[in-house]
Amino acid sequence: MGYPPLLPPHFPIDEFRSRLAALRSIMAERRVEILIVDQHEHMIFFSGYASTAAMYQALLIPLEGELVQVVRALDAATFSHKSWLTDSIMFADNENPIKVVADTVKARGFGASVIGVERDSHFLTVNRALELESLLSTAKIVDFSRVMWEMRLVKSPLELAYLEKAAEICDRAAAAAFHAARAGVSEREVFIAMTSEAWRSGADNAQLAAISSGPSTSFHASLGERVLQEGDNVFVEPVPHFRGYTARMMRSKVIGVPTDEQLRSAETIIRIQDDQFRTMKPGANAKEVDRIVREGMLKGGLRDSYTNITGYTLGLKSPPRTSDFTRVFLADSDWELQENQVFHMYTSARGLPFSETVVVRPEGGKRLTKMERKLFY
């Protein structure tokens, strides 16, 4: 399939500074004097660097002045390579990183200040939060949950370029999977073909894909040793990350000749979902966008019930969460779409899932994933 084309440029320092200015405006409104950032996505978003989860690390963002990253000394080279920041505090493995963060806050003059923390962070565990508060007992600790998740919903032009690259990787990976999928081939061989192409095309993460096959398929299936047989339906979902930004896509292939019912079902699902994409314009209400698929699938007799979401946020994503549910599409989702928000829009019925990476545009949702929308065989 050849080597991928030229990659988009890395984020310039001016983009990081623009993000920081927007964050500091919110901090000023909330009278937060310094922010302790430890959620990986937000560390990456504002500094370019994300630590491993082996030991606690944090980014300190004051309302004014230089940002400082508290970094495990073992990660110093990675921090220097990835981040635009120059101010850092390194700690050894025999030091307590929570105490290092608290001591740094005090040393920078914020020991009795209003300090914002991400209480919705995966890395600020209950024990860590309690220890941090005890070490900063003269400060006022306030919750800064959801703020930075919300800030990242609308994508910049360069963020969209990263997502377009991730979507291109999806297309190439799914095509490679279906090229390999035939009777007598194991799921593992199909998975290897898919993930190898993703790596070759520029993916930079280990969580690359999902696969399921047989009489029934599942979004969250585990990779097995099953050998494909005539009549099987093979479901693939490439989940590549490009520089931390993830796109996703679901497709199915029948091994052999599909039934008339499978072909009709796939055509109906695609038509309903295409109708949904057309409504994804700035200002559209999420529950109305959701209704197109939810009611369409039920009225069309494709499903007896529909309780799961029909889409969710895409963008910068780091473990441990596999999906970003800052915005989701449900029957009672009461929020408005904005231009340049990006979502994974998905649905399924009768073992046939279809999904796309979609960006909100004035003319309606635009697919970033370009693979032909059909049941493959």
Protein backbone atom coordinates (compact mmCIF):
# COMPACT_ATOMS: atom_id res chain seq x y z
CA MET A 1 0.00 0.00 0.00
CA GLY A 2 3.03 2.24 0.04
CA TYR A 3 4.41 4.67 2.60
CA PRO A 4 2.11 7.39 3.95
CA PRO A 5 2.25 10.89 2.47
CA LEU A 6 3.90 13.86 4.17
CA LEU A 7 2.74 14.37 7.74
CA PRO A 8 1.20 17.59 9.06
CA PRO A 9 3.57 19.85 11.03
CA HIS A 10 3.86 19.74 14.79
CA PHE A 11 2.00 22.33 16.86
CA PRO A 12 3.84 25.68 16.90
CA ILE A 13 4.53 27.38 20.23
CA ASP A 14 1.98 30.07 19.34
CA GLU A 15 -0.79 27.46 19.41
CA PHE A 16 0.23 26.35 22.89
CA ARG A 17 0.29 29.99 24.01
CA SER A 18 -3.18 30.56 22.57
CA ARG A 19 -4.51 27.58 24.52
CA LEU A 20 -2.84 28.88 27.67
CA ALA A 21 -4.35 32.36 27.25
CA ALA A 22 -7.85 30.85 26.95
CA LEU A 23 -7.28 28.72 30.05
CA ARG A 24 -6.00 31.67 32.07
CA SER A 25 -9.12 33.66 31.23
CA ILE A 26 -11.20 30.94 32.88
CA MET A 27 -8.80 30.74 35.80
CA ALA A 28 -9.16 34.50 36.33
CA GLU A 29 -12.97 34.26 36.24
CA ARG A 30 -12.83 31.55 38.92
CA ARG A 31 -10.11 33.36 40.89
CA VAL A 32 -7.78 30.36 40.63
CA GLU A 33 -4.19 31.47 41.17
CA ILE A 34 -2.46 28.23 40.19
CA LEU A 35 -3.70 25.03 38.58
CA ILE A 36 -2.34 21.54 39.19
CA VAL A 37 -2.85 19.58 35.95
CA ASP A 38 -2.31 15.82 36.00
CA GLN A 39 -4.77 14.41 33.44
CA HIS A 40 -2.64 13.18 30.53
CA GLU A 41 -4.70 14.80 27.77
CA HIS A 42 -4.45 18.19 29.45
CA MET A 43 -0.74 17.91 30.15
CA ILE A 44 -0.23 17.17 26.46
CA PHE A 45 -2.61 19.93 25.37
CA PHE A 46 -0.81 22.66 27.31
CA SER A 47 2.80 21.43 27.47
CA GLY A 48 3.21 18.84 24.71
CA TYR A 49 4.42 16.28 27.24
CA ALA A 50 2.59 13.39 28.88
CA SER A 51 4.17 11.27 31.57
CA THR A 52 3.89 7.56 32.02
CA ALA A 53 1.48 6.49 34.75
CA ALA A 54 4.14 4.66 36.75
CA MET A 55 4.65 7.64 39.09
CA TYR A 56 2.60 10.78 39.67
CA GLN A 57 3.66 13.83 37.63
CA ALA A 58 1.97 17.19 37.23
CA LEU A 59 1.99 20.43 35.29
CA LEU A 60 1.68 23.62 37.38
CA ILE A 61 -0.01 26.51 35.58
CA PRO A 62 0.03 29.83 37.45
CA LEU A 63 -2.30 32.65 36.49
CA GLU A 64 0.80 34.63 35.56
CA GLY A 65 4.38 33.63 34.88
CA GLU A 66 6.08 30.51 33.60
CA LEU A 67 4.56 27.04 33.69
CA VAL A 68 6.54 24.39 35.54
CA GLN A 69 6.45 20.65 34.91
CA VAL A 70 7.17 18.27 37.78
CA VAL A 71 8.87 15.35 36.03
CA ARG A 72 10.26 12.00 37.05
CA ALA A 73 14.01 12.28 36.39
CA LEU A 74 13.89 9.11 34.31
CA ASP A 75 11.57 10.97 31.89
CA ALA A 76 13.73 14.10 31.59
CA ALA A 77 14.87 13.36 28.04
CA THR A 78 11.31 12.72 26.86
CA PHE A 79 10.10 15.94 28.48
CA SER A 80 12.91 17.92 26.86
CA HIS A 81 12.07 16.44 23.45
CA LYS A 82 8.28 16.76 23.60
CA SER A 83 7.59 19.97 25.51
CA TRP A 84 7.96 23.61 24.58
CA LEU A 85 8.42 24.44 28.27
CA THR A 86 11.82 25.10 29.81
CA ASP A 87 10.99 25.23 33.53
CA SER A 88 10.88 21.86 35.26
CA ILE A 89 11.49 20.17 38.59
CA MET A 90 12.97 16.67 38.39
CA PHE A 91 12.47 14.09 41.14
CA ALA A 92 14.23 10.79 41.76
CA ASP A 93 12.45 7.48 42.13
CA ASN A 94 13.07 7.43 45.87
CA GLU A 95 11.23 10.74 46.35
CA ASN A 96 7.51 11.24 46.99
CA PRO A 97 6.14 13.01 43.88
CA ILE A 98 3.10 14.36 45.73
CA LYS A 99 5.40 16.06 48.23
CA VAL A 100 7.58 17.36 45.38
CA VAL A 101 4.50 18.94 43.76
CA ALA A 102 3.37 20.49 47.06
CA ASP A 103 6.87 21.78 47.84
CA THR A 104 7.13 23.28 44.36
CA VAL A 105 3.79 25.05 44.77
CA LYS A 106 5.01 26.53 48.05
CA ALA A 107 8.44 27.44 46.67
CA ARG A 108 6.78 29.36 43.84
CA GLY A 109 4.81 31.43 46.33
CA PHE A 110 1.41 29.73 46.09
CA GLY A 111 1.30 27.91 49.43
CA ALA A 112 -1.62 30.03 50.69
CA SER A 113 -3.28 30.62 47.33
CA VAL A 114 -6.44 29.40 45.61
CA ILE A 115 -5.33 26.18 43.89
CA GLY A 116 -7.37 24.43 41.23
CA VAL A 117 -7.25 20.64 40.90
CA GLU A 118 -8.81 18.19 38.45
CA ARG A 119 -11.02 16.09 40.67
CA ASP A 120 -12.20 14.22 37.57
CA SER A 121 -8.64 13.21 36.66
CA HIS A 122 -7.77 9.54 36.47
CA PHE A 123 -4.41 10.28 38.05
CA LEU A 124 -5.53 12.30 41.07
CA THR A 125 -6.65 9.31 43.11
CA VAL A 126 -8.46 9.79 46.42
CA ASN A 127 -5.28 9.03 48.36
CA ARG A 128 -3.22 11.45 46.28
CA ALA A 129 -5.82 14.20 46.60
CA LEU A 130 -6.00 13.82 50.38
CA GLU A 131 -2.23 13.82 50.70
CA LEU A 132 -1.92 16.89 48.49
CA GLU A 133 -4.52 18.77 50.52
CA SER A 134 -2.81 17.87 53.79
CA LEU A 135 0.54 19.13 52.47
CA LEU A 136 -1.10 22.37 51.24
CA SER A 137 -3.21 22.94 54.33
CA THR A 138 -2.97 26.74 54.20
CA ALA A 139 -4.19 26.88 50.60
CA LYS A 140 -7.77 26.87 49.35
CA ILE A 141 -8.25 23.84 47.07
CA VAL A 142 -11.04 24.25 44.50
CA ASP A 143 -12.43 21.88 41.88
CA PHE A 144 -11.54 22.55 38.22
CA SER A 145 -13.29 19.47 36.80
CA ARG A 146 -14.62 19.40 33.20
CA VAL A 147 -13.16 22.79 32.28
CA MET A 148 -10.29 21.55 30.15
CA TRP A 149 -12.37 18.73 28.64
CA GLU A 150 -14.82 21.38 27.46
CA MET A 151 -12.04 23.64 26.19
CA ARG A 152 -10.84 20.94 23.81
CA LEU A 153 -14.19 20.26 22.12
CA VAL A 154 -13.71 22.63 19.15
CA LYS A 155 -10.68 21.71 17.12
CA SER A 156 -8.08 24.03 15.59
CA PRO A 157 -7.09 23.65 11.91
CA LEU A 158 -3.95 21.72 12.85
CA GLU A 159 -5.87 19.48 15.25
CA LEU A 160 -8.24 18.69 12.38
CA ALA A 161 -5.23 17.86 10.21
CA TYR A 162 -4.10 15.35 12.84
CA LEU A 163 -7.59 13.83 12.95
CA GLU A 164 -7.70 13.63 9.16
CA LYS A 165 -4.41 11.74 9.25
CA ALA A 166 -5.77 9.38 11.90
CA ALA A 167 -8.88 8.85 9.76
CA GLU A 168 -6.73 8.04 6.74
CA ILE A 169 -4.97 5.42 8.86
CA CYS A 170 -8.40 3.96 9.70
CA ASP A 171 -9.20 3.61 6.01
CA ARG A 172 -5.91 1.92 5.20
CA ALA A 173 -6.05 -0.40 8.20
CA ALA A 174 -9.61 -1.57 7.52
CA ALA A 175 -8.78 -2.19 3.85
CA ALA A 176 -5.78 -4.30 4.89
CA ALA A 177 -7.95 -6.27 7.31
CA PHE A 178 -10.57 -7.06 4.71
CA HIS A 179 -7.89 -8.01 2.17
CA ALA A 180 -6.66 -10.62 4.64
CA ALA A 181 -10.09 -11.81 5.82
CA ARG A 182 -11.10 -15.01 4.04
CA ALA A 183 -12.15 -18.54 4.94
CA GLY A 184 -9.43 -20.50 6.68
CA VAL A 185 -7.66 -17.41 8.05
CA SER A 186 -7.64 -16.77 11.81
CA GLU A 187 -8.86 -13.60 13.48
CA ARG A 188 -5.32 -13.03 14.69
CA GLU A 189 -3.97 -12.94 11.12
CA VAL A 190 -6.61 -10.40 10.15
CA PHE A 191 -5.74 -8.35 13.23
CA ILE A 192 -2.04 -8.48 12.38
CA ALA A 193 -2.73 -7.27 8.84
CA MET A 194 -4.88 -4.41 10.16
CA THR A 195 -2.54 -3.24 12.90
CA SER A 196 0.61 -3.64 10.81
CA GLU A 197 -0.86 -1.33 8.19
CA ALA A 198 -1.85 1.15 10.91
CA TRP A 199 1.70 1.24 12.27
CA ARG A 200 3.10 1.50 8.75
CA SER A 201 0.76 4.41 7.99
CA GLY A 202 1.81 6.49 10.97
CA ALA A 203 -0.17 5.28 14.02
CA ASP A 204 1.61 5.89 17.30
CA ASN A 205 -0.26 3.85 19.90
CA ALA A 206 -0.84 0.30 21.03
CA GLN A 207 -4.64 0.45 21.20
CA LEU A 208 -5.04 0.11 17.46
CA ALA A 209 -8.16 -1.87 16.74
CA ALA A 210 -11.00 -4.18 17.69
CA ILE A 211 -12.07 -7.30 15.83
CA SER A 212 -14.90 -9.81 16.13
CA SER A 213 -16.18 -12.58 13.89
CA GLY A 214 -18.72 -15.36 13.67
CA PRO A 215 -22.50 -15.60 13.99
CA SER A 216 -22.54 -12.51 16.25
CA THR A 217 -20.16 -9.60 16.60
CA SER A 218 -19.35 -7.24 19.44
CA PHE A 219 -17.88 -3.74 19.70
CA HIS A 220 -15.84 -4.77 22.74
CA ALA A 221 -14.78 -8.28 21.75
CA SER A 222 -11.40 -9.69 22.74
CA LEU A 223 -8.98 -10.94 20.12
CA GLY A 224 -9.25 -14.70 19.83
CA GLU A 225 -7.94 -17.61 17.78
CA ARG A 226 -11.11 -18.22 15.79
CA VAL A 227 -10.63 -19.33 12.17
CA LEU A 228 -12.96 -17.62 9.70
CA GLN A 229 -15.56 -19.75 7.93
CA GLU A 230 -17.88 -19.28 4.98
CA GLY A 231 -20.86 -17.21 6.04
CA ASP A 232 -19.05 -15.46 8.90
CA ASN A 233 -19.46 -11.75 9.45
CA VAL A 234 -16.14 -10.07 10.30
CA PHE A 235 -16.33 -6.76 12.16
CA VAL A 236 -13.30 -4.47 12.40
CA GLU A 237 -12.84 -1.14 14.17
CA PRO A 238 -9.47 0.53 13.65
CA VAL A 239 -8.74 2.89 16.57
CA PRO A 240 -5.42 4.50 15.58
CA HIS A 241 -3.89 7.50 17.33
CA PHE A 242 -1.79 10.01 15.43
CA ARG A 243 0.26 12.21 17.78
CA GLY A 244 -2.35 11.42 20.41
CA TYR A 245 -5.41 12.26 18.26
CA THR A 246 -7.73 9.37 17.54
CA ALA A 247 -10.14 8.59 14.71
CA ARG A 248 -12.39 5.53 14.52
CA MET A 249 -14.42 3.60 11.97
CA MET A 250 -16.50 0.39 11.93
CA ARG A 251 -17.09 -1.87 8.95
CA SER A 252 -18.19 -5.46 8.33
CA LYS A 253 -17.32 -8.08 5.74
CA VAL A 254 -19.17 -11.30 5.03
CA ILE A 255 -16.95 -14.27 4.22
CA GLY A 256 -18.62 -15.61 1.11
CA VAL A 257 -21.96 -14.37 -0.20
CA PRO A 258 -24.14 -12.18 2.07
CA THR A 259 -27.82 -12.92 2.44
CA ASP A 260 -30.45 -10.63 0.95
CA GLU A 261 -31.45 -9.68 4.50
CA GLN A 262 -27.88 -8.65 5.34
CA LEU A 263 -27.64 -6.50 2.22
CA ARG A 264 -31.00 -4.83 2.86
CA SER A 265 -30.17 -4.25 6.52
CA ALA A 266 -26.81 -2.68 5.69
CA GLU A 267 -28.37 -0.40 3.08
CA THR A 268 -31.05 0.75 5.53
CA ILE A 269 -28.58 1.36 8.35
CA ILE A 270 -26.34 3.41 6.06
CA ARG A 271 -29.28 5.47 4.76
CA ILE A 272 -30.48 6.28 8.28
CA GLN A 273 -27.01 7.22 9.45
CA ASP A 274 -26.39 9.35 6.35
CA ASP A 275 -29.57 11.26 7.23
CA GLN A 276 -28.13 11.83 10.69
CA PHE A 277 -24.85 13.17 9.33
CA ARG A 278 -26.69 15.76 7.24
CA THR A 279 -28.19 17.27 10.41
CA MET A 280 -24.82 17.76 12.10
CA LYS A 281 -24.59 21.50 11.60
CA PRO A 282 -23.54 24.23 14.06
CA GLY A 283 -26.46 25.04 16.35
CA ALA A 284 -28.18 21.68 15.91
CA ASN A 285 -29.46 20.15 19.14
CA ALA A 286 -27.77 16.87 20.02
CA LYS A 287 -30.99 15.05 20.91
CA GLU A 288 -32.44 15.91 17.48
CA VAL A 289 -29.31 14.59 15.79
CA ASP A 290 -29.53 11.46 17.92
CA ARG A 291 -33.23 10.99 17.18
CA ILE A 292 -32.57 10.39 13.46
CA VAL A 293 -30.74 7.13 14.18
CA ARG A 294 -32.48 6.08 17.39
CA GLU A 295 -36.03 6.39 16.04
CA GLY A 296 -35.08 5.40 12.50
CA MET A 297 -33.61 2.10 13.60
CA LEU A 298 -36.58 1.32 15.87
CA LYS A 299 -39.22 2.31 13.33
CA GLY A 300 -37.41 0.37 10.63
CA GLY A 301 -37.63 -2.78 12.71
CA LEU A 302 -33.87 -3.13 12.83
CA ARG A 303 -33.77 -3.15 16.63
CA ASP A 304 -36.23 -3.94 19.41
CA SER A 305 -34.63 -1.43 21.80
CA TYR A 306 -31.98 1.27 21.65
CA THR A 307 -30.34 2.31 24.91
CA ASN A 308 -26.75 3.05 23.92
CA ILE A 309 -25.37 6.33 22.64
CA THR A 310 -25.10 7.09 18.90
CA GLY A 311 -21.93 9.16 19.06
CA TYR A 312 -19.26 10.68 21.29
CA THR A 313 -16.33 13.11 21.29
CA LEU A 314 -13.13 12.44 19.37
CA GLY A 315 -9.83 14.28 19.61
CA LEU A 316 -6.76 14.13 21.80
CA LYS A 317 -7.07 10.92 23.80
CA SER A 318 -4.72 9.14 26.15
CA PRO A 319 -5.10 6.04 28.36
CA PRO A 320 -6.60 4.90 30.66
CA ARG A 321 -9.93 5.99 29.14
CA THR A 322 -10.54 4.39 25.76
CA SER A 323 -13.29 6.87 24.79
CA ASP A 324 -14.04 10.53 25.51
CA PHE A 325 -17.65 11.03 26.63
CA THR A 326 -17.40 14.78 27.25
CA ARG A 327 -20.22 15.03 24.71
CA VAL A 328 -22.48 12.11 23.83
CA PHE A 329 -25.59 11.68 21.70
CA LEU A 330 -28.53 10.30 23.67
CA ALA A 331 -32.30 10.79 23.52
CA ASP A 332 -32.07 13.43 26.29
CA SER A 333 -28.79 15.11 25.26
CA ASP A 334 -29.55 18.83 25.50
CA TRP A 335 -26.55 20.64 24.03
CA GLU A 336 -25.77 22.35 20.71
CA LEU A 337 -23.21 21.28 18.16
CA GLN A 338 -20.40 23.68 17.26
CA GLU A 339 -18.43 23.97 14.06
CA ASN A 340 -15.23 21.88 14.05
CA GLN A 341 -16.30 19.56 16.82
CA VAL A 342 -15.42 15.97 15.89
CA PHE A 343 -17.36 12.85 16.86
CA HIS A 344 -17.35 9.10 16.46
CA MET A 345 -20.87 8.44 15.15
CA TYR A 346 -21.86 4.81 15.29
CA THR A 347 -24.78 2.43 15.12
CA SER A 348 -25.42 -1.25 14.57
CA ALA A 349 -28.18 -3.78 14.01
CA ARG A 350 -28.30 -7.48 13.21
CA GLY A 351 -24.58 -7.84 13.76
CA LEU A 352 -23.72 -5.08 11.25
CA PRO A 353 -21.99 -2.04 12.79
CA PHE A 354 -21.22 1.13 10.85
CA SER A 355 -19.39 4.19 12.12
CA GLU A 356 -17.47 7.22 10.96
CA THR A 357 -15.28 10.02 12.26
CA VAL A 358 -17.35 13.13 11.53
CA VAL A 359 -16.56 16.85 11.82
CA VAL A 360 -19.36 19.40 12.24
CA ARG A 361 -19.60 21.78 9.27
CA PRO A 362 -22.11 24.47 8.22
CA GLU A 363 -23.29 22.20 5.38
CA GLY A 364 -23.64 19.19 7.71
CA GLY A 365 -21.38 16.50 9.09
CA LYS A 366 -18.33 15.77 6.95
CA ARG A 367 -16.79 12.31 7.08
CA LEU A 368 -13.06 12.28 7.77
CA THR A 369 -13.01 8.49 7.32
CA LYS A 370 -13.46 7.88 3.59
CA MET A 371 -13.86 4.12 3.17
CA GLU A 372 -16.85 3.11 1.05
CA ARG A 373 -19.99 2.74 3.13
CA LYS A 374 -21.24 -0.74 2.31
CA LEU A 375 -21.26 -4.32 3.52
CA PHE A 376 -18.08 -5.85 2.12
CA TYR A 377 -17.89 -9.42 0.80
